[in-house]
Amino acid sequence: SDIYDITMDTITGESVELSRYRDQALLIVNLAANEAFFQYAGLRTVHDKFADKPLQVLGFPCNQFGAQEPGTNAEILEFASTKYDVNFPMLAKIEVNGDGACDLYKILKAAQPNADSSEDITWNFTKFLVNGKGEVVKRFDPK
């Protein structure tokens, strides 16, 4: 499967084809507002630093780890916008592991498994770097 064949919902409910990001590097991350080592601000800094480069941060809220993202999409957007002035694209809340894992994360995890060869995301703020050709080139654990 190709990530550019996938359509996702934005956090405000519009559909977005990931093919719109073709020829851009992507930093894809599962987000959680109640995370102890909070990273929204850092992701915004990355987004701002590379605003004139072909790099796009894509944030996906996820409530699968410690129930640290329990809000609705509207509540998550309000929090991220008012507290951290998030200006990178945020997509609708998803699952990254298990039977309900979205297709994008199935592709990301298969392409870049953990060091022990398992594929599951282990915690919030796991990041995947995708090059402009849609190839998943690196996985970064949150720590």
Protein backbone atom coordinates (compact mmCIF):
# COMPACT_ATOMS: atom_id res chain seq x y z
CA SER A 1 0.00 0.00 0.00
CA ASP A 2 1.03 3.57 -0.65
CA ILE A 3 0.41 6.35 1.85
CA TYR A 4 -0.63 8.59 -1.03
CA ASP A 5 -3.65 6.34 -1.67
CA ILE A 6 -5.05 7.10 1.80
CA THR A 7 -7.70 9.68 2.65
CA MET A 8 -7.97 10.84 6.27
CA ASP A 9 -10.26 13.22 8.10
CA THR A 10 -8.91 16.47 9.47
CA ILE A 11 -9.63 17.36 13.08
CA THR A 12 -12.40 19.67 11.81
CA GLY A 13 -14.04 16.91 9.75
CA GLU A 14 -12.93 17.57 6.19
CA SER A 15 -11.45 14.75 4.12
CA VAL A 16 -7.85 15.14 3.00
CA GLU A 17 -6.05 12.94 0.52
CA LEU A 18 -2.49 12.31 1.67
CA SER A 19 -1.43 12.61 -1.98
CA ARG A 20 -1.59 16.38 -1.41
CA TYR A 21 1.69 15.96 0.51
CA ARG A 22 3.52 14.21 -2.33
CA ASP A 23 7.05 15.61 -2.79
CA GLN A 24 7.13 16.83 0.83
CA ALA A 25 8.83 15.17 3.76
CA LEU A 26 6.35 14.33 6.50
CA LEU A 27 6.85 14.06 10.23
CA ILE A 28 3.84 12.03 11.36
CA VAL A 29 3.16 11.83 15.10
CA ASN A 30 0.49 10.45 17.43
CA LEU A 31 -0.48 13.17 19.91
CA ALA A 32 -1.81 13.28 23.47
CA ALA A 33 -2.66 16.41 25.42
CA ASN A 34 -2.24 14.93 28.90
CA GLU A 35 1.23 13.53 28.26
CA ALA A 36 3.90 14.19 30.90
CA PHE A 37 6.62 14.96 28.37
CA PHE A 38 4.41 17.21 26.34
CA GLN A 39 5.65 17.88 22.82
CA TYR A 40 3.08 20.08 21.05
CA ALA A 41 5.33 23.13 21.44
CA GLY A 42 8.33 21.27 20.03
CA LEU A 43 6.36 20.09 17.03
CA ARG A 44 5.19 23.64 16.39
CA THR A 45 8.83 24.78 16.52
CA VAL A 46 9.79 22.13 13.95
CA HIS A 47 6.88 23.17 11.75
CA ASP A 48 7.89 26.85 11.97
CA LYS A 49 11.60 26.17 11.45
CA PHE A 50 10.95 24.28 8.22
CA ALA A 51 8.01 26.35 6.96
CA ASP A 52 9.95 27.35 3.84
CA LYS A 53 11.14 23.78 3.21
CA PRO A 54 9.18 20.85 1.85
CA LEU A 55 8.52 19.39 5.34
CA GLN A 56 5.10 19.02 6.91
CA VAL A 57 4.25 17.97 10.46
CA LEU A 58 1.02 15.94 10.66
CA GLY A 59 -0.48 15.37 14.11
CA PHE A 60 -2.87 12.53 14.90
CA PRO A 61 -4.51 12.58 18.35
CA CYS A 62 -4.73 9.12 19.92
CA ASN A 63 -6.21 7.96 23.22
CA GLN A 64 -4.70 4.47 23.33
CA PHE A 65 -1.94 5.17 25.86
CA GLY A 66 -2.96 5.90 29.43
CA ALA A 67 -6.20 7.53 28.22
CA GLN A 68 -4.23 10.76 27.82
CA GLU A 69 -6.26 12.13 24.90
CA PRO A 70 -9.87 11.62 26.03
CA GLY A 71 -11.40 14.71 24.41
CA THR A 72 -13.43 15.08 21.26
CA ASN A 73 -11.77 16.38 18.12
CA ALA A 74 -13.24 19.83 18.83
CA GLU A 75 -11.89 19.81 22.41
CA ILE A 76 -8.45 18.67 21.24
CA LEU A 77 -8.29 21.39 18.60
CA GLU A 78 -9.37 24.05 21.11
CA PHE A 79 -6.68 22.94 23.57
CA ALA A 80 -3.90 22.75 20.97
CA SER A 81 -4.85 26.07 19.41
CA THR A 82 -5.29 28.10 22.59
CA LYS A 83 -2.57 26.62 24.78
CA TYR A 84 0.14 25.98 22.15
CA ASP A 85 -0.96 27.97 19.11
CA VAL A 86 -0.52 24.82 17.01
CA ASN A 87 -0.23 25.72 13.36
CA PHE A 88 0.59 22.36 11.79
CA PRO A 89 -2.16 20.17 10.32
CA MET A 90 -4.02 18.11 12.88
CA LEU A 91 -6.10 15.20 11.80
CA ALA A 92 -9.00 13.42 13.47
CA LYS A 93 -8.43 11.20 16.49
CA ILE A 94 -7.34 7.71 15.44
CA GLU A 95 -6.18 4.39 16.79
CA VAL A 96 -2.61 3.39 16.00
CA ASN A 97 -2.57 -0.18 17.37
CA GLY A 98 -4.89 -3.18 17.38
CA ASP A 99 -7.80 -4.09 15.16
CA GLY A 100 -8.89 -0.46 14.89
CA ALA A 101 -5.51 0.88 13.73
CA CYS A 102 -5.91 3.18 10.76
CA ASP A 103 -4.39 2.17 7.42
CA LEU A 104 -1.76 4.91 7.55
CA TYR A 105 -0.34 3.61 10.81
CA LYS A 106 -0.41 0.03 9.54
CA ILE A 107 1.87 1.16 6.69
CA LEU A 108 4.13 3.25 8.94
CA LYS A 109 4.61 0.49 11.52
CA ALA A 110 5.26 -2.23 8.93
CA ALA A 111 7.87 -0.09 7.17
CA GLN A 112 9.69 0.92 10.37
CA PRO A 113 9.15 -1.56 13.21
CA ASN A 114 10.61 -1.17 16.69
CA ALA A 115 14.19 -2.21 17.41
CA ASP A 116 12.86 -5.58 18.66
CA SER A 117 11.00 -6.07 15.32
CA SER A 118 7.57 -5.55 16.91
CA GLU A 119 5.38 -3.07 15.10
CA ASP A 120 3.09 -1.64 17.78
CA ILE A 121 3.42 1.95 18.86
CA THR A 122 4.59 1.89 22.48
CA TRP A 123 3.50 5.35 23.64
CA ASN A 124 2.36 8.84 22.71
CA PHE A 125 4.48 11.01 20.43
CA THR A 126 6.09 8.26 18.38
CA LYS A 127 7.23 9.94 15.18
CA PHE A 128 7.71 8.66 11.65
CA LEU A 129 9.71 10.49 9.00
CA VAL A 130 8.45 9.96 5.47
CA ASN A 131 10.42 11.27 2.50
CA GLY A 132 8.93 13.09 -0.49
CA LYS A 133 8.50 9.80 -2.35
CA GLY A 134 6.27 8.38 0.37
CA GLU A 135 8.95 6.08 1.80
CA VAL A 136 8.97 5.66 5.58
CA VAL A 137 12.64 6.27 6.37
CA LYS A 138 12.85 6.55 10.17
CA ARG A 139 10.91 5.88 13.35
CA PHE A 140 11.59 7.91 16.50
CA ASP A 141 10.44 6.74 19.89
CA PRO A 142 9.07 9.52 22.09
CA LYS A 143 11.96 9.49 24.55
